[in-house]
Amino acid sequence: MNVQLYIWQRATAAILAPMVFVHLAVILYATRHGFSAADILARTQGSIAWATFYGVFVIAAAIHASIGLRNVMSEWLLLTPRRAGRTAVGIGLLLAVLGLRAVAAVVL
């Protein structure tokens, strides 16, 4: 793996770690207080803060996952680095698009 991908993966991990903690804390808070999906949507609709938080979360996760998948595909599927990279970029873009659509659905 080249140095740039290594740095990107570590940087996205550093971004994701506290975001996962916040995400889990929100889940625990919502479940302990018996919030329904409608209650949660009522609280997130129109929130720029939640849109930004989960937008960054999705982008970081898509980048992080696609780099990891590139490495796994190179090692386990014996794909050339170029083919593994292209496939990983495609999967990363798909993850980003689907994730951002979910964020939009929850916030907009």
PDB file of N, CA and C in Angstrom:
ATOM      1  N   MET A   1       0.859  -1.178   0.000  1.00  0.00           N
ATOM      2  CA  MET A   1       0.000   0.000   0.000  1.00  0.00           C
ATOM      3  C   MET A   1       0.897   1.230   0.000  1.00  0.00           C
ATOM      4  N   ASN A   2       0.519   2.211  -0.790  1.00  0.00           N
ATOM      5  CA  ASN A   2       1.387   3.385  -0.821  1.00  0.00           C
ATOM      6  C   ASN A   2       1.145   4.286   0.384  1.00  0.00           C
ATOM      7  N   VAL A   3       2.056   5.195   0.592  1.00  0.00           N
ATOM      8  CA  VAL A   3       2.055   6.034   1.787  1.00  0.00           C
ATOM      9  C   VAL A   3       0.816   6.930   1.845  1.00  0.00           C
ATOM     10  N   GLN A   4       0.391   7.459   0.703  1.00  0.00           N
ATOM     11  CA  GLN A   4      -0.779   8.342   0.697  1.00  0.00           C
ATOM     12  C   GLN A   4      -2.043   7.604   1.149  1.00  0.00           C
ATOM     13  N   LEU A   5      -2.232   6.390   0.669  1.00  0.00           N
ATOM     14  CA  LEU A   5      -3.400   5.624   1.098  1.00  0.00           C
ATOM     15  C   LEU A   5      -3.314   5.276   2.579  1.00  0.00           C
ATOM     16  N   TYR A   6      -2.123   4.980   3.037  1.00  0.00           N
ATOM     17  CA  TYR A   6      -1.915   4.691   4.456  1.00  0.00           C
ATOM     18  C   TYR A   6      -2.331   5.901   5.306  1.00  0.00           C
ATOM     19  N   ILE A   7      -1.884   7.071   4.896  1.00  0.00           N
ATOM     20  CA  ILE A   7      -2.218   8.299   5.633  1.00  0.00           C
ATOM     21  C   ILE A   7      -3.725   8.561   5.584  1.00  0.00           C
ATOM     22  N   TRP A   8      -4.341   8.402   4.406  1.00  0.00           N
ATOM     23  CA  TRP A   8      -5.783   8.615   4.284  1.00  0.00           C
ATOM     24  C   TRP A   8      -6.558   7.648   5.171  1.00  0.00           C
ATOM     25  N   GLN A   9      -6.132   6.404   5.201  1.00  0.00           N
ATOM     26  CA  GLN A   9      -6.864   5.441   6.025  1.00  0.00           C
ATOM     27  C   GLN A   9      -6.713   5.768   7.500  1.00  0.00           C
ATOM     28  N   ARG A  10      -5.530   6.150   7.924  1.00  0.00           N
ATOM     29  CA  ARG A  10      -5.333   6.501   9.331  1.00  0.00           C
ATOM     30  C   ARG A  10      -6.066   7.790   9.684  1.00  0.00           C
ATOM     31  N   ALA A  11      -6.076   8.750   8.777  1.00  0.00           N
ATOM     32  CA  ALA A  11      -6.783  10.011   9.033  1.00  0.00           C
ATOM     33  C   ALA A  11      -8.290   9.783   9.153  1.00  0.00           C
ATOM     34  N   THR A  12      -8.845   8.959   8.255  1.00  0.00           N
ATOM     35  CA  THR A  12     -10.282   8.689   8.350  1.00  0.00           C
ATOM     36  C   THR A  12     -10.605   7.878   9.597  1.00  0.00           C
ATOM     37  N   ALA A  13      -9.698   7.017  10.022  1.00  0.00           N
ATOM     38  CA  ALA A  13      -9.910   6.279  11.275  1.00  0.00           C
ATOM     39  C   ALA A  13      -9.951   7.249  12.451  1.00  0.00           C
ATOM     40  N   ALA A  14      -9.075   8.245  12.427  1.00  0.00           N
ATOM     41  CA  ALA A  14      -9.052   9.244  13.501  1.00  0.00           C
ATOM     42  C   ALA A  14     -10.334  10.072  13.510  1.00  0.00           C
ATOM     43  N   ILE A  15     -10.907  10.310  12.360  1.00  0.00           N
ATOM     44  CA  ILE A  15     -12.184  11.031  12.273  1.00  0.00           C
ATOM     45  C   ILE A  15     -13.327  10.130  12.728  1.00  0.00           C
ATOM     46  N   LEU A  16     -13.303   8.885  12.287  1.00  0.00           N
ATOM     47  CA  LEU A  16     -14.405   7.966  12.576  1.00  0.00           C
ATOM     48  C   LEU A  16     -14.495   7.565  14.046  1.00  0.00           C
ATOM     49  N   ALA A  17     -13.383   7.414  14.712  1.00  0.00           N
ATOM     50  CA  ALA A  17     -13.403   6.915  16.095  1.00  0.00           C
ATOM     51  C   ALA A  17     -14.305   7.746  17.006  1.00  0.00           C
ATOM     52  N   PRO A  18     -14.130   9.062  17.096  1.00  0.00           N
ATOM     53  CA  PRO A  18     -15.036   9.822  17.973  1.00  0.00           C
ATOM     54  C   PRO A  18     -16.463   9.882  17.421  1.00  0.00           C
ATOM     55  N   MET A  19     -16.598   9.839  16.101  1.00  0.00           N
ATOM     56  CA  MET A  19     -17.938   9.893  15.519  1.00  0.00           C
ATOM     57  C   MET A  19     -18.730   8.620  15.826  1.00  0.00           C
ATOM     58  N   VAL A  20     -18.069   7.490  15.810  1.00  0.00           N
ATOM     59  CA  VAL A  20     -18.739   6.235  16.172  1.00  0.00           C
ATOM     60  C   VAL A  20     -19.174   6.293  17.628  1.00  0.00           C
ATOM     61  N   PHE A  21     -18.325   6.834  18.494  1.00  0.00           N
ATOM     62  CA  PHE A  21     -18.668   6.976  19.910  1.00  0.00           C
ATOM     63  C   PHE A  21     -19.917   7.841  20.068  1.00  0.00           C
ATOM     64  N   VAL A  22     -19.970   8.986  19.392  1.00  0.00           N
ATOM     65  CA  VAL A  22     -21.142   9.868  19.459  1.00  0.00           C
ATOM     66  C   VAL A  22     -22.373   9.153  18.910  1.00  0.00           C
ATOM     67  N   HIS A  23     -22.221   8.476  17.787  1.00  0.00           N
ATOM     68  CA  HIS A  23     -23.333   7.750  17.167  1.00  0.00           C
ATOM     69  C   HIS A  23     -23.899   6.703  18.130  1.00  0.00           C
ATOM     70  N   LEU A  24     -23.036   5.932  18.758  1.00  0.00           N
ATOM     71  CA  LEU A  24     -23.491   4.925  19.721  1.00  0.00           C
ATOM     72  C   LEU A  24     -24.136   5.563  20.946  1.00  0.00           C
ATOM     73  N   ALA A  25     -23.583   6.679  21.392  1.00  0.00           N
ATOM     74  CA  ALA A  25     -24.170   7.383  22.538  1.00  0.00           C
ATOM     75  C   ALA A  25     -25.578   7.873  22.202  1.00  0.00           C
ATOM     76  N   VAL A  26     -25.773   8.367  21.001  1.00  0.00           N
ATOM     77  CA  VAL A  26     -27.096   8.827  20.571  1.00  0.00           C
ATOM     78  C   VAL A  26     -28.070   7.651  20.507  1.00  0.00           C
ATOM     79  N   ILE A  27     -27.602   6.523  19.993  1.00  0.00           N
ATOM     80  CA  ILE A  27     -28.454   5.327  19.935  1.00  0.00           C
ATOM     81  C   ILE A  27     -28.868   4.907  21.348  1.00  0.00           C
ATOM     82  N   LEU A  28     -27.910   4.866  22.267  1.00  0.00           N
ATOM     83  CA  LEU A  28     -28.223   4.491  23.651  1.00  0.00           C
ATOM     84  C   LEU A  28     -29.199   5.480  24.284  1.00  0.00           C
ATOM     85  N   TYR A  29     -28.982   6.749  24.070  1.00  0.00           N
ATOM     86  CA  TYR A  29     -29.876   7.773  24.612  1.00  0.00           C
ATOM     87  C   TYR A  29     -31.293   7.588  24.068  1.00  0.00           C
ATOM     88  N   ALA A  30     -31.404   7.402  22.764  1.00  0.00           N
ATOM     89  CA  ALA A  30     -32.727   7.262  22.138  1.00  0.00           C
ATOM     90  C   ALA A  30     -33.447   6.007  22.610  1.00  0.00           C
ATOM     91  N   THR A  31     -32.720   4.915  22.733  1.00  0.00           N
ATOM     92  CA  THR A  31     -33.375   3.675  23.153  1.00  0.00           C
ATOM     93  C   THR A  31     -33.749   3.716  24.628  1.00  0.00           C
ATOM     94  N   ARG A  32     -32.910   4.305  25.455  1.00  0.00           N
ATOM     95  CA  ARG A  32     -33.219   4.390  26.888  1.00  0.00           C
ATOM     96  C   ARG A  32     -34.406   5.297  27.176  1.00  0.00           C
ATOM     97  N   HIS A  33     -34.619   6.264  26.290  1.00  0.00           N
ATOM     98  CA  HIS A  33     -35.744   7.178  26.479  1.00  0.00           C
ATOM     99  C   HIS A  33     -36.970   6.754  25.661  1.00  0.00           C
ATOM    100  N   GLY A  34     -36.890   5.599  25.028  1.00  0.00           N
ATOM    101  CA  GLY A  34     -38.033   5.049  24.317  1.00  0.00           C
ATOM    102  C   GLY A  34     -38.470   5.826  23.092  1.00  0.00           C
ATOM    103  N   PHE A  35     -37.523   6.500  22.431  1.00  0.00           N
ATOM    104  CA  PHE A  35     -37.884   7.270  21.242  1.00  0.00           C
ATOM    105  C   PHE A  35     -38.262   6.332  20.104  1.00  0.00           C
ATOM    106  N   SER A  36     -39.293   6.681  19.392  1.00  0.00           N
ATOM    107  CA  SER A  36     -39.677   5.940  18.194  1.00  0.00           C
ATOM    108  C   SER A  36     -38.938   6.553  16.999  1.00  0.00           C
ATOM    109  N   ALA A  37     -39.043   5.899  15.857  1.00  0.00           N
ATOM    110  CA  ALA A  37     -38.434   6.444  14.646  1.00  0.00           C
ATOM    111  C   ALA A  37     -39.023   7.817  14.334  1.00  0.00           C
ATOM    112  N   ALA A  38     -40.314   7.983  14.550  1.00  0.00           N
ATOM    113  CA  ALA A  38     -40.965   9.274  14.305  1.00  0.00           C
ATOM    114  C   ALA A  38     -40.406  10.354  15.242  1.00  0.00           C
ATOM    115  N   ASP A  39     -40.153   9.993  16.499  1.00  0.00           N
ATOM    116  CA  ASP A  39     -39.565  10.949  17.449  1.00  0.00           C
ATOM    117  C   ASP A  39     -38.174  11.388  16.989  1.00  0.00           C
ATOM    118  N   ILE A  40     -37.387  10.432  16.548  1.00  0.00           N
ATOM    119  CA  ILE A  40     -36.023  10.731  16.104  1.00  0.00           C
ATOM    120  C   ILE A  40     -36.049  11.602  14.861  1.00  0.00           C
ATOM    121  N   LEU A  41     -36.901  11.257  13.894  1.00  0.00           N
ATOM    122  CA  LEU A  41     -36.999  12.062  12.676  1.00  0.00           C
ATOM    123  C   LEU A  41     -37.476  13.476  12.981  1.00  0.00           C
ATOM    124  N   ALA A  42     -38.380  13.616  13.925  1.00  0.00           N
ATOM    125  CA  ALA A  42     -38.853  14.948  14.302  1.00  0.00           C
ATOM    126  C   ALA A  42     -37.710  15.799  14.849  1.00  0.00           C
ATOM    127  N   ARG A  43     -36.776  15.165  15.528  1.00  0.00           N
ATOM    128  CA  ARG A  43     -35.639  15.894  16.103  1.00  0.00           C
ATOM    129  C   ARG A  43     -34.551  16.193  15.072  1.00  0.00           C
ATOM    130  N   THR A  44     -34.445  15.378  14.026  1.00  0.00           N
ATOM    131  CA  THR A  44     -33.360  15.566  13.058  1.00  0.00           C
ATOM    132  C   THR A  44     -33.774  16.372  11.833  1.00  0.00           C
ATOM    133  N   GLN A  45     -35.062  16.481  11.563  1.00  0.00           N
ATOM    134  CA  GLN A  45     -35.522  17.199  10.381  1.00  0.00           C
ATOM    135  C   GLN A  45     -35.017  18.640  10.385  1.00  0.00           C
ATOM    136  N   GLY A  46     -34.359  19.026   9.294  1.00  0.00           N
ATOM    137  CA  GLY A  46     -33.886  20.391   9.132  1.00  0.00           C
ATOM    138  C   GLY A  46     -32.654  20.760   9.937  1.00  0.00           C
ATOM    139  N   SER A  47     -32.032  19.816  10.603  1.00  0.00           N
ATOM    140  CA  SER A  47     -30.868  20.112  11.429  1.00  0.00           C
ATOM    141  C   SER A  47     -29.588  20.124  10.596  1.00  0.00           C
ATOM    142  N   ILE A  48     -29.011  21.286  10.475  1.00  0.00           N
ATOM    143  CA  ILE A  48     -27.735  21.423   9.758  1.00  0.00           C
ATOM    144  C   ILE A  48     -26.636  20.682  10.524  1.00  0.00           C
ATOM    145  N   ALA A  49     -26.701  20.717  11.842  1.00  0.00           N
ATOM    146  CA  ALA A  49     -25.675  20.056  12.664  1.00  0.00           C
ATOM    147  C   ALA A  49     -25.663  18.552  12.415  1.00  0.00           C
ATOM    148  N   TRP A  50     -26.840  17.903  12.448  1.00  0.00           N
ATOM    149  CA  TRP A  50     -26.883  16.460  12.216  1.00  0.00           C
ATOM    150  C   TRP A  50     -26.531  16.126  10.775  1.00  0.00           C
ATOM    151  N   ALA A  51     -26.954  16.959   9.836  1.00  0.00           N
ATOM    152  CA  ALA A  51     -26.603  16.730   8.429  1.00  0.00           C
ATOM    153  C   ALA A  51     -25.090  16.793   8.243  1.00  0.00           C
ATOM    154  N   THR A  52     -24.465  17.751   8.867  1.00  0.00           N
ATOM    155  CA  THR A  52     -23.005  17.894   8.763  1.00  0.00           C
ATOM    156  C   THR A  52     -22.311  16.715   9.440  1.00  0.00           C
ATOM    157  N   PHE A  53     -22.738  16.397  10.652  1.00  0.00           N
ATOM    158  CA  PHE A  53     -22.125  15.292  11.394  1.00  0.00           C
ATOM    159  C   PHE A  53     -22.195  14.001  10.586  1.00  0.00           C
ATOM    160  N   TYR A  54     -23.396  13.617  10.169  1.00  0.00           N
ATOM    161  CA  TYR A  54     -23.544  12.351   9.461  1.00  0.00           C
ATOM    162  C   TYR A  54     -23.013  12.414   8.028  1.00  0.00           C
ATOM    163  N   GLY A  55     -22.996  13.585   7.427  1.00  0.00           N
ATOM    164  CA  GLY A  55     -22.373  13.729   6.106  1.00  0.00           C
ATOM    165  C   GLY A  55     -20.879  13.449   6.168  1.00  0.00           C
ATOM    166  N   VAL A  56     -20.213  14.033   7.168  1.00  0.00           N
ATOM    167  CA  VAL A  56     -18.778  13.782   7.363  1.00  0.00           C
ATOM    168  C   VAL A  56     -18.547  12.310   7.714  1.00  0.00           C
ATOM    169  N   PHE A  57     -19.412  11.761   8.558  1.00  0.00           N
ATOM    170  CA  PHE A  57     -19.333  10.351   8.955  1.00  0.00           C
ATOM    171  C   PHE A  57     -19.374   9.462   7.705  1.00  0.00           C
ATOM    172  N   VAL A  58     -20.330   9.700   6.830  1.00  0.00           N
ATOM    173  CA  VAL A  58     -20.498   8.879   5.618  1.00  0.00           C
ATOM    174  C   VAL A  58     -19.283   8.988   4.705  1.00  0.00           C
ATOM    175  N   ILE A  59     -18.811  10.193   4.470  1.00  0.00           N
ATOM    176  CA  ILE A  59     -17.662  10.385   3.573  1.00  0.00           C
ATOM    177  C   ILE A  59     -16.420   9.709   4.153  1.00  0.00           C
ATOM    178  N   ALA A  60     -16.171   9.904   5.440  1.00  0.00           N
ATOM    179  CA  ALA A  60     -15.008   9.273   6.075  1.00  0.00           C
ATOM    180  C   ALA A  60     -15.115   7.754   6.018  1.00  0.00           C
ATOM    181  N   ALA A  61     -16.308   7.229   6.279  1.00  0.00           N
ATOM    182  CA  ALA A  61     -16.496   5.775   6.246  1.00  0.00           C
ATOM    183  C   ALA A  61     -16.312   5.224   4.839  1.00  0.00           C
ATOM    184  N   ALA A  62     -16.808   5.936   3.835  1.00  0.00           N
ATOM    185  CA  ALA A  62     -16.666   5.477   2.450  1.00  0.00           C
ATOM    186  C   ALA A  62     -15.196   5.443   2.036  1.00  0.00           C
ATOM    187  N   ILE A  63     -14.454   6.466   2.399  1.00  0.00           N
ATOM    188  CA  ILE A  63     -13.022   6.501   2.063  1.00  0.00           C
ATOM    189  C   ILE A  63     -12.283   5.395   2.816  1.00  0.00           C
ATOM    190  N   HIS A  64     -12.538   5.304   4.107  1.00  0.00           N
ATOM    191  CA  HIS A  64     -11.866   4.310   4.941  1.00  0.00           C
ATOM    192  C   HIS A  64     -12.146   2.886   4.438  1.00  0.00           C
ATOM    193  N   ALA A  65     -13.404   2.599   4.185  1.00  0.00           N
ATOM    194  CA  ALA A  65     -13.796   1.250   3.742  1.00  0.00           C
ATOM    195  C   ALA A  65     -13.219   0.917   2.372  1.00  0.00           C
ATOM    196  N   SER A  66     -13.246   1.874   1.458  1.00  0.00           N
ATOM    197  CA  SER A  66     -12.753   1.569   0.110  1.00  0.00           C
ATOM    198  C   SER A  66     -11.251   1.296   0.104  1.00  0.00           C
ATOM    199  N   ILE A  67     -10.493   1.993   0.940  1.00  0.00           N
ATOM    200  CA  ILE A  67      -9.056   1.713   1.027  1.00  0.00           C
ATOM    201  C   ILE A  67      -8.833   0.319   1.601  1.00  0.00           C
ATOM    202  N   GLY A  68      -9.567  -0.022   2.649  1.00  0.00           N
ATOM    203  CA  GLY A  68      -9.450  -1.363   3.224  1.00  0.00           C
ATOM    204  C   GLY A  68      -9.848  -2.442   2.238  1.00  0.00           C
ATOM    205  N   LEU A  69     -10.942  -2.206   1.512  1.00  0.00           N
ATOM    206  CA  LEU A  69     -11.373  -3.183   0.505  1.00  0.00           C
ATOM    207  C   LEU A  69     -10.346  -3.339  -0.606  1.00  0.00           C
ATOM    208  N   ARG A  70      -9.710  -2.243  -0.990  1.00  0.00           N
ATOM    209  CA  ARG A  70      -8.667  -2.316  -2.023  1.00  0.00           C
ATOM    210  C   ARG A  70      -7.570  -3.277  -1.579  1.00  0.00           C
ATOM    211  N   ASN A  71      -7.162  -3.152  -0.334  1.00  0.00           N
ATOM    212  CA  ASN A  71      -6.103  -4.024   0.176  1.00  0.00           C
ATOM    213  C   ASN A  71      -6.556  -5.479   0.246  1.00  0.00           C
ATOM    214  N   VAL A  72      -7.769  -5.695   0.712  1.00  0.00           N
ATOM    215  CA  VAL A  72      -8.289  -7.063   0.802  1.00  0.00           C
ATOM    216  C   VAL A  72      -8.412  -7.676  -0.590  1.00  0.00           C
ATOM    217  N   MET A  73      -8.927  -6.909  -1.537  1.00  0.00           N
ATOM    218  CA  MET A  73      -9.073  -7.442  -2.900  1.00  0.00           C
ATOM    219  C   MET A  73      -7.719  -7.762  -3.523  1.00  0.00           C
ATOM    220  N   SER A  74      -6.731  -6.927  -3.244  1.00  0.00           N
ATOM    221  CA  SER A  74      -5.385  -7.201  -3.776  1.00  0.00           C
ATOM    222  C   SER A  74      -4.801  -8.475  -3.193  1.00  0.00           C
ATOM    223  N   GLU A  75      -4.993  -8.675  -1.896  1.00  0.00           N
ATOM    224  CA  GLU A  75      -4.399  -9.825  -1.219  1.00  0.00           C
ATOM    225  C   GLU A  75      -5.188 -11.117  -1.425  1.00  0.00           C
ATOM    226  N   TRP A  76      -6.495 -11.049  -1.305  1.00  0.00           N
ATOM    227  CA  TRP A  76      -7.312 -12.258  -1.289  1.00  0.00           C
ATOM    228  C   TRP A  76      -7.860 -12.646  -2.652  1.00  0.00           C
ATOM    229  N   LEU A  77      -8.185 -11.654  -3.456  1.00  0.00           N
ATOM    230  CA  LEU A  77      -8.743 -11.965  -4.774  1.00  0.00           C
ATOM    231  C   LEU A  77      -7.674 -11.951  -5.860  1.00  0.00           C
ATOM    232  N   LEU A  78      -6.470 -11.599  -5.450  1.00  0.00           N
ATOM    233  CA  LEU A  78      -5.324 -11.561  -6.359  1.00  0.00           C
ATOM    234  C   LEU A  78      -5.571 -10.665  -7.567  1.00  0.00           C
ATOM    235  N   LEU A  79      -6.285  -9.555  -7.317  1.00  0.00           N
ATOM    236  CA  LEU A  79      -6.491  -8.571  -8.372  1.00  0.00           C
ATOM    237  C   LEU A  79      -5.235  -7.725  -8.501  1.00  0.00           C
ATOM    238  N   THR A  80      -5.010  -7.215  -9.682  1.00  0.00           N
ATOM    239  CA  THR A  80      -3.891  -6.292  -9.846  1.00  0.00           C
ATOM    240  C   THR A  80      -4.194  -5.041  -9.021  1.00  0.00           C
ATOM    241  N   PRO A  81      -3.172  -4.322  -8.594  1.00  0.00           N
ATOM    242  CA  PRO A  81      -3.414  -3.105  -7.815  1.00  0.00           C
ATOM    243  C   PRO A  81      -4.325  -2.110  -8.554  1.00  0.00           C
ATOM    244  N   ARG A  82      -4.159  -2.031  -9.862  1.00  0.00           N
ATOM    245  CA  ARG A  82      -4.979  -1.105 -10.655  1.00  0.00           C
ATOM    246  C   ARG A  82      -6.449  -1.524 -10.640  1.00  0.00           C
ATOM    247  N   ARG A  83      -6.709  -2.802 -10.870  1.00  0.00           N
ATOM    248  CA  ARG A  83      -8.092  -3.295 -10.885  1.00  0.00           C
ATOM    249  C   ARG A  83      -8.712  -3.218  -9.495  1.00  0.00           C
ATOM    250  N   ALA A  84      -7.940  -3.574  -8.475  1.00  0.00           N
ATOM    251  CA  ALA A  84      -8.440  -3.482  -7.096  1.00  0.00           C
ATOM    252  C   ALA A  84      -8.754  -2.024  -6.746  1.00  0.00           C
ATOM    253  N   GLY A  85      -7.900  -1.117  -7.176  1.00  0.00           N
ATOM    254  CA  GLY A  85      -8.114   0.303  -6.916  1.00  0.00           C
ATOM    255  C   GLY A  85      -9.368   0.823  -7.588  1.00  0.00           C
ATOM    256  N   ARG A  86      -9.558   0.460  -8.836  1.00  0.00           N
ATOM    257  CA  ARG A  86     -10.757   0.916  -9.557  1.00  0.00           C
ATOM    258  C   ARG A  86     -12.029   0.344  -8.949  1.00  0.00           C
ATOM    259  N   THR A  87     -11.984  -0.922  -8.608  1.00  0.00           N
ATOM    260  CA  THR A  87     -13.154  -1.556  -7.989  1.00  0.00           C
ATOM    261  C   THR A  87     -13.449  -0.904  -6.641  1.00  0.00           C
ATOM    262  N   ALA A  88     -12.411  -0.646  -5.862  1.00  0.00           N
ATOM    263  CA  ALA A  88     -12.583  -0.025  -4.552  1.00  0.00           C
ATOM    264  C   ALA A  88     -13.139   1.391  -4.680  1.00  0.00           C
ATOM    265  N   VAL A  89     -12.676   2.133  -5.665  1.00  0.00           N
ATOM    266  CA  VAL A  89     -13.213   3.480  -5.888  1.00  0.00           C
ATOM    267  C   VAL A  89     -14.698   3.400  -6.220  1.00  0.00           C
ATOM    268  N   GLY A  90     -15.072   2.458  -7.066  1.00  0.00           N
ATOM    269  CA  GLY A  90     -16.489   2.281  -7.401  1.00  0.00           C
ATOM    270  C   GLY A  90     -17.330   1.953  -6.183  1.00  0.00           C
ATOM    271  N   ILE A  91     -16.837   1.037  -5.365  1.00  0.00           N
ATOM    272  CA  ILE A  91     -17.566   0.670  -4.144  1.00  0.00           C
ATOM    273  C   ILE A  91     -17.626   1.857  -3.189  1.00  0.00           C
ATOM    274  N   GLY A  92     -16.528   2.582  -3.063  1.00  0.00           N
ATOM    275  CA  GLY A  92     -16.501   3.762  -2.195  1.00  0.00           C
ATOM    276  C   GLY A  92     -17.494   4.824  -2.644  1.00  0.00           C
ATOM    277  N   LEU A  93     -17.573   5.059  -3.951  1.00  0.00           N
ATOM    278  CA  LEU A  93     -18.542   6.028  -4.468  1.00  0.00           C
ATOM    279  C   LEU A  93     -19.968   5.567  -4.214  1.00  0.00           C
ATOM    280  N   LEU A  94     -20.215   4.278  -4.397  1.00  0.00           N
ATOM    281  CA  LEU A  94     -21.543   3.734  -4.128  1.00  0.00           C
ATOM    282  C   LEU A  94     -21.904   3.907  -2.651  1.00  0.00           C
ATOM    283  N   LEU A  95     -20.978   3.598  -1.757  1.00  0.00           N
ATOM    284  CA  LEU A  95     -21.217   3.787  -0.325  1.00  0.00           C
ATOM    285  C   LEU A  95     -21.504   5.253   0.001  1.00  0.00           C
ATOM    286  N   ALA A  96     -20.739   6.150  -0.601  1.00  0.00           N
ATOM    287  CA  ALA A  96     -20.926   7.576  -0.343  1.00  0.00           C
ATOM    288  C   ALA A  96     -22.298   8.046  -0.828  1.00  0.00           C
ATOM    289  N   VAL A  97     -22.672   7.655  -2.030  1.00  0.00           N
ATOM    290  CA  VAL A  97     -23.962   8.077  -2.589  1.00  0.00           C
ATOM    291  C   VAL A  97     -25.114   7.532  -1.749  1.00  0.00           C
ATOM    292  N   LEU A  98     -25.072   6.242  -1.440  1.00  0.00           N
ATOM    293  CA  LEU A  98     -26.154   5.648  -0.646  1.00  0.00           C
ATOM    294  C   LEU A  98     -26.205   6.249   0.759  1.00  0.00           C
ATOM    295  N   GLY A  99     -25.051   6.459   1.358  1.00  0.00           N
ATOM    296  CA  GLY A  99     -25.009   7.041   2.694  1.00  0.00           C
ATOM    297  C   GLY A  99     -25.513   8.473   2.720  1.00  0.00           C
ATOM    298  N   LEU A 100     -25.119   9.265   1.738  1.00  0.00           N
ATOM    299  CA  LEU A 100     -25.574  10.654   1.693  1.00  0.00           C
ATOM    300  C   LEU A 100     -27.067  10.741   1.386  1.00  0.00           C
ATOM    301  N   ARG A 101     -27.589   9.795   0.600  1.00  0.00           N
ATOM    302  CA  ARG A 101     -29.041   9.738   0.381  1.00  0.00           C
ATOM    303  C   ARG A 101     -29.763   9.449   1.691  1.00  0.00           C
ATOM    304  N   ALA A 102     -29.200   8.558   2.496  1.00  0.00           N
ATOM    305  CA  ALA A 102     -29.808   8.251   3.796  1.00  0.00           C
ATOM    306  C   ALA A 102     -29.774   9.463   4.711  1.00  0.00           C
ATOM    307  N   VAL A 103     -28.656  10.184   4.720  1.00  0.00           N
ATOM    308  CA  VAL A 103     -28.547  11.408   5.525  1.00  0.00           C
ATOM    309  C   VAL A 103     -29.610  12.420   5.072  1.00  0.00           C
ATOM    310  N   ALA A 104     -29.728  12.588   3.784  1.00  0.00           N
ATOM    311  CA  ALA A 104     -30.728  13.536   3.252  1.00  0.00           C
ATOM    312  C   ALA A 104     -32.133  13.123   3.652  1.00  0.00           C
ATOM    313  N   ALA A 105     -32.412  11.833   3.604  1.00  0.00           N
ATOM    314  CA  ALA A 105     -33.748  11.342   3.961  1.00  0.00           C
ATOM    315  C   ALA A 105     -34.066  11.603   5.427  1.00  0.00           C
ATOM    316  N   VAL A 106     -33.080  11.531   6.276  1.00  0.00           N
ATOM    317  CA  VAL A 106     -33.298  11.708   7.702  1.00  0.00           C
ATOM    318  C   VAL A 106     -33.338  13.191   8.080  1.00  0.00           C
ATOM    319  N   VAL A 107     -32.600  14.013   7.373  1.00  0.00           N
ATOM    320  CA  VAL A 107     -32.463  15.422   7.765  1.00  0.00           C
ATOM    321  C   VAL A 107     -33.347  16.356   6.954  1.00  0.00           C
ATOM    322  N   LEU A 108     -33.509  16.097   5.687  1.00  0.00           N
ATOM    323  CA  LEU A 108     -34.290  17.028   4.835  1.00  0.00           C
ATOM    324  C   LEU A 108     -35.769  16.814   4.942  1.00  0.00           C
TER     325      LEU A 108
END
